[in-house]
Protein backbone atom coordinates (compact mmCIF):
# COMPACT_ATOMS: atom_id res chain seq x y z
CA MET A 1 0.11 0.30 0.34
CA THR A 2 1.75 2.99 -1.11
CA PRO A 3 1.07 6.21 0.82
CA ALA A 4 -0.90 8.00 -1.44
CA HIS A 5 -3.64 5.02 -1.37
CA ALA A 6 -3.53 4.69 2.82
CA VAL A 7 -7.48 4.35 2.81
CA ARG A 8 -8.65 1.10 1.69
CA ARG A 9 -11.49 0.83 4.49
CA ARG A 10 -13.14 3.22 5.79
CA LEU A 11 -15.93 5.02 8.40
CA VAL A 12 -17.93 8.47 7.71
CA CYS A 13 -19.97 9.60 10.75
CA TYR A 14 -21.92 12.52 9.70
CA LEU A 15 -23.66 15.27 11.45
CA SER A 16 -25.85 17.24 10.23
CA GLY A 17 -26.76 21.16 10.68
CA PHE A 18 -29.89 22.16 12.34
CA ASP A 19 -31.91 20.46 9.55
CA PRO A 20 -35.19 18.53 10.42
CA GLN A 21 -34.79 16.30 6.96
CA GLY A 22 -33.10 13.08 8.22
CA PRO A 23 -31.13 10.27 6.43
CA ALA A 24 -33.49 9.82 3.96
CA HIS A 25 -32.62 13.19 2.30
CA TYR A 26 -29.20 12.87 2.93
CA HIS A 27 -28.87 9.73 1.69
CA GLN A 28 -30.43 10.81 -1.77
CA LEU A 29 -27.96 14.46 -1.60
CA TYR A 30 -25.56 12.12 -1.13
CA ALA A 31 -25.94 9.41 -3.78
CA THR A 32 -27.38 12.67 -6.55
CA GLU A 33 -24.20 14.79 -6.00
CA GLY A 34 -21.59 12.00 -5.94
CA ALA A 35 -22.98 11.02 -8.97
CA ARG A 36 -22.60 14.19 -10.86
CA GLN A 37 -19.18 14.71 -9.22
CA SER A 38 -18.29 11.09 -10.62
CA ALA A 39 -18.71 12.59 -14.49
CA VAL A 40 -16.93 15.25 -13.68
CA SER A 41 -13.67 13.95 -11.68
CA GLY A 42 -14.39 10.31 -13.25
CA HIS A 43 -14.89 8.89 -9.87
CA VAL A 44 -16.42 4.94 -9.89
CA LEU A 45 -18.83 5.60 -7.00
CA GLN A 46 -21.70 3.07 -6.06
CA VAL A 47 -24.20 4.02 -3.19
CA GLY A 48 -26.11 1.52 -1.86
CA ARG A 49 -29.39 1.45 0.04
CA ARG A 50 -29.99 3.39 3.46
CA ARG A 51 -30.31 1.24 5.91
CA ARG A 52 -31.02 1.41 9.95
CA MET A 53 -27.88 0.80 11.60
CA ALA A 54 -28.91 1.79 15.34
CA GLU A 55 -31.56 3.88 17.24
CA HIS A 56 -30.07 6.72 16.01
CA VAL A 57 -27.68 5.81 13.63
CA ALA A 58 -28.78 5.19 9.27
CA GLY A 59 -26.36 5.06 6.85
CA TRP A 60 -25.01 3.00 3.61
CA ASP A 61 -22.30 1.62 1.95
CA VAL A 62 -19.74 3.22 -0.48
CA ASP A 63 -17.93 1.32 -2.88
CA ALA A 64 -16.14 3.63 -4.89
CA THR A 65 -12.46 3.56 -7.06
CA ILE A 66 -11.05 7.27 -7.25
CA GLU A 67 -7.82 8.35 -8.00
CA GLY A 68 -6.60 5.16 -8.97
CA GLY A 69 -7.50 3.49 -5.60
CA SER A 70 -10.49 1.00 -4.86
CA VAL A 71 -11.55 2.06 -1.00
CA GLN A 72 -14.51 0.32 0.53
CA THR A 73 -16.35 3.67 3.35
CA ARG A 74 -19.69 2.98 5.43
CA TYR A 75 -20.85 5.84 5.96
CA GLU A 76 -23.22 6.92 9.44
CA PHE A 77 -25.74 9.58 9.60
CA LEU A 78 -25.13 10.11 13.35
CA ARG A 79 -29.43 10.96 13.91
CA TRP A 80 -30.48 14.66 15.98
CA ASP A 81 -33.58 15.45 13.40
CA ASP A 82 -35.91 14.13 15.70
CA ILE A 83 -34.74 16.84 17.83
CA VAL A 84 -34.24 19.65 15.46
CA ARG A 85 -38.37 18.96 14.80
CA SER A 86 -38.72 19.43 18.99
CA HIS A 87 -36.97 22.33 18.25
CA TRP A 88 -39.02 23.70 14.88
CA PRO A 89 -41.73 26.25 16.12
CA ARG A 90 -44.39 26.15 13.07
CA SER A 91 -46.66 28.88 14.05
CA ARG A 92 -45.98 32.64 12.75
CA TRP A 93 -46.42 33.66 16.62
CA ALA A 94 -44.11 30.63 17.97
CA LEU A 95 -41.34 31.90 15.53
CA LEU A 96 -42.07 35.65 15.91
CA ARG A 97 -41.42 35.13 20.17
CA THR A 98 -38.07 32.57 18.90
CA THR A 99 -37.03 35.61 17.08
CA VAL A 100 -37.06 38.28 19.41
CA TRP A 101 -35.72 35.95 22.02
CA ALA A 102 -33.17 34.41 20.18
CA SER A 103 -31.94 37.77 19.01
CA TRP A 104 -32.14 39.48 22.36
CA GLN A 105 -29.82 37.17 24.48
CA CYS A 106 -27.11 36.88 21.52
CA TRP A 107 -27.55 40.54 21.79
CA ARG A 108 -27.23 40.72 25.74
CA ASP A 109 -24.18 38.14 25.85
CA GLY A 110 -21.96 40.16 23.43
CA VAL A 111 -22.23 37.57 20.14
CA MET A 112 -23.81 39.72 18.08
CA TRP A 113 -21.33 42.71 18.43
CA TYR A 114 -18.54 39.71 18.09
CA SER A 115 -19.94 39.03 15.10
CA TRP A 116 -19.95 42.47 13.40
CA GLN A 117 -16.46 42.91 14.57
CA ARG A 118 -14.72 39.86 13.12
CA SER A 119 -17.26 38.47 10.41
CA TRP A 120 -20.32 40.98 9.28
CA PRO A 121 -21.68 38.30 6.95
CA ALA A 122 -22.40 36.31 9.98
CA PHE A 123 -23.67 39.31 11.89
CA LEU A 124 -25.44 39.68 8.80
CA ALA A 125 -27.08 36.16 9.15
CA LEU A 126 -27.46 36.51 12.77
CA ALA A 127 -29.05 39.69 12.57
CA GLY A 128 -30.80 40.48 9.58
CA PRO A 129 -33.84 38.12 10.91
CA GLY A 130 -34.71 40.14 14.14
CA LEU A 131 -33.51 43.69 12.02
CA ALA A 132 -36.25 42.74 8.99
CA MET A 133 -38.74 41.90 11.85
CA LEU A 134 -38.54 45.12 13.34
CA ILE A 135 -38.63 47.12 10.21
CA TRP A 136 -41.58 45.36 9.25
CA LEU A 137 -43.18 46.30 12.76
CA VAL A 138 -42.40 49.70 12.37
CA LEU A 139 -43.89 49.54 8.83
CA LEU A 140 -47.63 47.93 10.37
CA ALA A 141 -47.55 50.89 12.91
CA LEU A 142 -47.08 53.28 10.68
CA ALA A 143 -49.56 52.11 8.49
CA CYS A 144 -51.95 51.71 11.48
CA GLY A 145 -51.24 55.48 12.44
CA VAL A 146 -51.91 56.31 8.70
CA ALA A 147 -55.40 54.45 9.56
CA TRP A 148 -55.76 56.15 12.91
CA GLY A 149 -55.87 59.59 11.07
CA LEU A 150 -58.00 58.58 8.04
CA LEU A 151 -60.98 57.58 10.36
CA LYS A 152 -60.54 60.75 12.53
CA GLY A 153 -60.19 63.24 9.34
CA VAL A 154 -61.59 61.60 6.67
CA GLY A 155 -64.15 58.56 7.88
CA ALA A 156 -63.71 55.00 8.52
CA ALA A 157 -64.55 54.03 4.77
CA LEU A 158 -60.80 55.85 3.48
CA ALA A 159 -59.47 54.36 6.79
CA VAL A 160 -60.55 50.54 5.95
CA GLY A 161 -60.08 51.22 2.34
CA TRP A 162 -56.46 52.22 2.77
CA LEU A 163 -56.02 48.77 5.60
CA ALA A 164 -57.16 47.03 2.38
CA LEU A 165 -54.46 48.09 0.55
CA ALA A 166 -51.12 48.63 2.81
CA LEU A 167 -52.00 45.26 5.50
CA PRO A 168 -51.79 42.47 1.98
CA GLY A 169 -48.54 44.86 0.46
CA LEU A 170 -46.81 44.42 4.62
CA VAL A 171 -48.16 40.61 4.51
CA GLY A 172 -46.38 39.91 0.99
CA LEU A 173 -43.38 41.84 2.13
CA GLY A 174 -42.74 40.20 4.78
CA MET A 175 -43.08 36.56 3.73
CA VAL A 176 -40.42 38.27 1.10
CA ALA A 177 -37.91 39.07 4.11
CA GLU A 178 -38.82 35.85 5.78
CA ARG A 179 -37.23 33.71 2.52
CA ARG A 180 -34.70 36.44 1.13
CA THR A 181 -32.94 36.31 5.21
CA GLN A 182 -33.84 32.32 5.95
CA MET A 183 -35.32 33.65 9.14
CA ALA A 184 -37.21 30.42 9.68
CA TRP A 185 -34.39 28.17 10.00
CA LEU A 186 -31.54 30.81 11.20
CA MET A 187 -33.79 31.73 14.46
CA ARG A 188 -35.14 28.17 15.12
CA SER A 189 -31.34 26.97 14.75
CA LEU A 190 -30.04 30.29 16.83
CA ALA A 191 -32.74 29.70 19.62
CA CYS A 192 -31.61 26.10 19.97
CA LEU A 193 -27.83 27.08 20.21
CA VAL A 194 -29.06 29.58 22.52
CA ARG A 195 -30.29 26.96 24.89
CA GLN A 196 -27.55 24.37 24.32
CA GLY A 197 -25.15 27.26 25.26
CA ARG A 198 -27.18 27.26 28.97
CA GLY A 199 -27.55 23.12 29.02
CA GLN A 200 -31.11 23.90 28.45
CA THR A 201 -31.19 20.94 25.78
CA PRO A 202 -30.46 17.46 28.18
CA GLU A 203 -32.05 15.39 25.16
CA LEU A 204 -29.58 16.79 22.59
CA GLU A 205 -26.24 16.07 25.23
CA SER A 206 -27.64 12.50 25.78
CA ARG A 207 -27.66 12.28 22.46
CA LEU A 208 -24.46 13.67 21.80
CA ASP A 209 -22.57 11.32 24.38
CA GLU A 210 -24.53 8.30 23.19
CA HIS A 211 -22.86 9.30 19.54
CA ALA A 212 -19.91 9.25 21.20
CA ALA A 213 -19.97 6.34 22.80
CA ARG A 214 -20.09 4.52 18.95
CA LEU A 215 -17.82 6.69 17.89
CA ALA A 216 -15.32 5.33 20.46
CA ALA A 217 -16.22 2.07 20.01
CA ALA A 218 -15.34 2.42 16.74
CA LEU A 219 -11.72 3.95 17.01
CA ALA A 220 -10.71 1.28 19.98
CA ALA A 221 -12.16 -1.40 17.80
CA GLY A 222 -9.90 -0.60 14.85
CA GLY A 223 -10.56 -2.44 10.87
CA HIS A 224 -10.32 1.08 9.57
CA ASP A 225 -7.86 2.87 7.54
CA GLU A 226 -9.66 5.97 8.94
CA VAL A 227 -12.02 7.22 11.12
CA LEU A 228 -13.56 10.77 9.57
CA LEU A 229 -16.36 12.48 11.77
CA VAL A 230 -17.69 15.42 9.83
CA GLY A 231 -19.72 18.29 11.14
CA HIS A 232 -21.61 20.71 8.68
CA SER A 233 -23.17 23.83 9.93
CA SER A 234 -24.16 23.22 13.31
CA GLY A 235 -23.42 19.71 13.05
CA ALA A 236 -19.62 21.21 13.44
CA MET A 237 -20.14 22.61 16.76
CA LEU A 238 -21.92 18.91 17.48
CA ALA A 239 -19.22 16.98 16.03
CA VAL A 240 -16.31 18.80 18.29
CA SER A 241 -18.55 17.66 21.41
CA VAL A 242 -18.13 14.28 19.93
CA ALA A 243 -14.86 14.21 18.61
CA ALA A 244 -13.93 14.94 22.37
CA ARG A 245 -15.96 13.18 24.22
CA ALA A 246 -14.87 9.86 22.10
CA LEU A 247 -11.54 10.68 22.48
CA ARG A 248 -11.59 10.98 26.38
CA GLN A 249 -12.99 7.28 26.58
CA LEU A 250 -10.05 5.69 25.01
CA PRO A 251 -7.39 4.88 27.12
CA ALA A 252 -4.23 6.23 27.74
CA GLN A 253 -2.43 3.63 25.35
CA SER A 254 -4.68 3.52 22.01
CA THR A 255 -2.95 4.32 19.27
CA ALA A 256 -6.28 5.06 17.42
CA GLN A 257 -6.47 8.37 14.99
CA LEU A 258 -9.46 10.60 14.73
CA SER A 259 -9.96 12.77 11.74
CA LEU A 260 -12.30 16.00 11.90
CA LEU A 261 -13.78 17.51 8.66
CA THR A 262 -16.00 20.87 10.23
CA LEU A 263 -17.80 22.26 6.95
CA GLY A 264 -19.55 25.90 7.35
CA GLN A 265 -18.87 26.39 11.11
CA CYS A 266 -20.88 28.66 12.54
CA GLY A 267 -18.83 27.99 16.28
CA ALA A 268 -18.50 31.05 18.08
CA THR A 269 -22.33 31.75 17.99
CA LEU A 270 -21.80 29.10 20.88
CA SER A 271 -18.33 29.35 21.81
CA ARG A 272 -18.85 33.43 22.58
CA GLN A 273 -21.99 32.90 24.71
CA PRO A 274 -20.63 32.94 28.73
CA GLN A 275 -22.42 30.63 29.80
CA ALA A 276 -20.85 27.62 27.33
CA GLN A 277 -17.97 26.94 29.13
CA ALA A 278 -18.87 23.01 28.88
CA TYR A 279 -18.04 24.05 25.11
CA ARG A 280 -15.12 25.94 25.62
CA ASP A 281 -13.40 23.64 27.04
CA GLU A 282 -14.07 20.89 24.31
CA LEU A 283 -12.85 22.98 22.08
CA VAL A 284 -9.41 23.55 23.79
CA GLU A 285 -9.40 19.44 24.71
CA LEU A 286 -9.43 19.06 20.50
CA ALA A 287 -7.08 21.55 19.85
CA ALA A 288 -4.07 19.94 22.00
CA SER A 289 -5.19 16.06 21.15
CA PRO A 290 -2.71 14.48 18.99
CA ARG A 291 -4.92 11.59 18.23
CA LEU A 292 -6.49 14.10 16.19
CA THR A 293 -6.30 15.95 12.75
CA TRP A 294 -9.11 18.19 12.06
CA LEU A 295 -9.79 20.34 8.89
CA ASP A 296 -12.08 23.31 9.39
CA VAL A 297 -13.34 24.67 5.78
CA SER A 298 -15.22 27.58 5.32
CA ALA A 299 -16.08 29.53 2.10
CA PRO A 300 -15.73 33.60 2.15
CA PRO A 301 -19.01 33.21 -0.33
CA ASP A 302 -20.68 31.57 2.40
CA GLY A 303 -22.59 34.17 4.72
CA CYS A 304 -23.92 31.58 7.26
CA CYS A 305 -20.77 30.40 8.64
CA TYR A 306 -17.80 32.60 9.94
CA ALA A 307 -14.99 32.09 7.26
CA LEU A 308 -11.63 31.10 7.77
CA VAL A 309 -12.16 32.04 11.82
CA ASP A 310 -10.22 29.98 13.71
CA PRO A 311 -13.11 28.12 16.39
CA CYS A 312 -10.44 28.04 19.09
CA GLU A 313 -10.26 32.10 18.81
CA GLY A 314 -10.06 33.61 22.02
CA LEU A 315 -9.37 30.42 23.72
CA THR A 316 -6.49 29.90 25.72
CA LEU A 317 -4.87 26.96 24.79
CA PRO A 318 -1.83 25.08 25.41
CA PRO A 319 2.04 25.88 23.73
CA ALA A 320 1.82 22.67 21.78
CA ALA A 321 -1.68 22.68 20.39
CA ARG A 322 -2.25 22.64 16.87
CA GLY A 323 -5.73 23.59 16.71
CA ALA A 324 -7.88 23.38 13.11
CA LYS A 325 -6.30 23.93 9.87
CA ARG A 326 -8.31 26.05 8.12
CA LEU A 327 -8.66 26.19 4.69
CA ASN A 328 -11.22 27.94 1.67
CA PRO A 329 -12.83 25.55 -0.50
CA ARG A 330 -12.09 28.34 -3.06
CA PHE A 331 -15.51 27.10 -4.92
CA ALA A 332 -15.17 30.16 -7.57
CA GLN A 333 -12.41 27.13 -9.42
CA LEU A 334 -15.08 24.27 -9.09
CA PHE A 335 -18.02 26.35 -11.10
CA THR A 336 -18.23 28.69 -14.72
CA PRO A 337 -17.83 32.16 -13.97
CA ALA A 338 -21.80 32.86 -14.56
CA THR A 339 -22.28 29.35 -12.78
CA TYR A 340 -20.48 30.99 -9.38
CA GLU A 341 -22.01 34.19 -9.89
CA GLY A 342 -25.33 32.87 -8.85
CA LEU A 343 -24.20 30.59 -6.07
CA ARG A 344 -22.38 33.64 -4.91
CA ARG A 345 -25.51 35.12 -4.22
CA ASP A 346 -27.50 32.48 -3.39
CA LYS A 347 -26.26 32.13 0.41
CA TYR A 348 -28.74 29.17 2.03
CA ARG A 349 -27.07 27.61 -1.70
CA CYS A 350 -23.74 28.22 -0.88
CA HIS A 351 -23.74 27.18 2.31
CA PHE A 352 -24.38 23.82 0.94
CA GLN A 353 -21.93 23.70 -1.69
CA TYR A 354 -19.66 21.72 0.71
CA LEU A 355 -21.78 18.36 0.47
CA MET A 356 -22.09 18.86 -2.95
CA ALA A 357 -21.18 18.15 -6.69
CA GLY A 358 -19.18 21.10 -8.73
CA GLU A 359 -18.75 21.77 -12.12
CA LEU A 360 -15.48 21.59 -12.45
CA PRO A 361 -12.97 19.11 -11.23
CA GLY A 362 -11.02 20.82 -8.73
CA GLU A 363 -9.24 20.39 -5.19
CA TYR A 364 -12.18 20.09 -2.88
CA ASP A 365 -14.15 17.02 -3.32
CA TYR A 366 -16.02 15.88 -1.00
CA PHE A 367 -16.68 12.76 -2.12
CA ALA A 368 -12.69 12.21 -2.70
CA ILE A 369 -12.82 13.39 0.81
CA THR A 370 -15.18 11.00 2.03
CA ALA A 371 -14.98 7.30 -0.33
CA GLY A 372 -11.01 8.49 -1.92
CA PRO A 373 -7.66 6.74 -1.22
CA GLN A 374 -6.30 9.35 1.09
CA SER A 375 -6.79 10.42 3.92
CA LEU A 376 -7.99 14.13 5.37
CA ALA A 377 -4.07 14.38 5.91
CA GLN A 378 -2.75 13.25 3.15
CA ARG A 379 -5.29 15.22 0.95
CA PHE A 380 -4.48 18.28 2.07
CA GLU A 381 -1.06 18.17 3.26
CA GLN A 382 0.83 19.91 0.89
CA ARG A 383 -2.02 22.99 1.14
CA PRO A 384 -1.11 26.13 3.81
CA GLY A 385 -3.73 26.94 5.89
CA VAL A 386 -4.79 30.02 6.57
CA ASP A 387 -3.55 31.63 9.91
CA ASP A 388 -4.79 35.52 9.61
CA PHE A 389 -8.29 36.39 7.51
CA ARG A 390 -9.44 39.54 8.68
CA GLN A 391 -11.19 40.67 5.38
CA PHE A 392 -14.51 40.63 6.85
CA GLU A 393 -13.41 42.49 9.74
CA CYS A 394 -14.82 45.44 11.33
CA PHE A 395 -13.61 48.59 13.78
CA GLY A 396 -9.98 46.50 13.57
CA GLY A 397 -11.65 43.09 14.74
CA PRO A 398 -12.18 41.96 18.67
CA ARG A 399 -9.42 41.27 21.23
CA ARG A 400 -7.66 37.69 19.98
């Protein structure tokens, strides 16, 4: 076995972001996008049927021939979509309350101010829904004030007519703002993160412990050339917790190694909460662990992440700590200019590009990473990490 083809058997454990869609959706996404990437890059990729592997784990097998190497991968979807659905208020009024509460907590705790200083696109994603709602309420109050003035000065008929014109327009404006800011998804996700930071999600903590025990057992058992834990979006923070808790369970003499890939991370929304000390401790553990290879991938055009910001920023790390190697996936190189321009404008779509095929072959290839013959460390060994990205800072950035 040559170093270039060091992986023949791989276990991938995947944690999705805050998404009520479960393994059926992500299995279909992997199969469909994998076929598209194969057509572009010349991969041979066979994605097996989805099956239940444990109470909260589904998975499928992937047989691949990529870059001249044949690899068998077991891809496990670590479920928490049921917990997401329990934190998914459906009524408009419940969403309004969630938006007001989550936004206020983040302003009060300094998360918003840090985001504005460190990464203004992330600030817009966090603050945009609340600000859009505030503007909508001001416009509604103005419309009602005009109607009241008409009622007192002219008569009821004109006041009712004005409201009949104004209210549908405001409702339509609110719906457009909701779609443009992805308010429904962002605010539900943010509220869950605020509760998580405060220790108010015991069901989630229990699930993370369950997934960590499964990961630790896989690492201890061996049998795989690489065990790769992947977390996307909010799932990146969950992957940090699962990795830290799994590595704690390994005996001191264990030689097991874990690869961790975090994609589109928004970790500061959790780590910057004053009450989230347990999560900060897990970050420090991972940064200092000799058993871990950690690659953090985030794209500047992805407005729903802290692009190229160190997940451990602001923490006191041991002198020998390596932390995460940060890389830009360079989405622009994976598409024609016209296609990329459309992708760049669609922030929601861009946030999921990490898991999807490109239009052109390129260095970042999710399917080569998860089903190819090189380990995570080998694949990006020659690529220097991004250490000091400041493009999105305001007012000189926060203190580090």
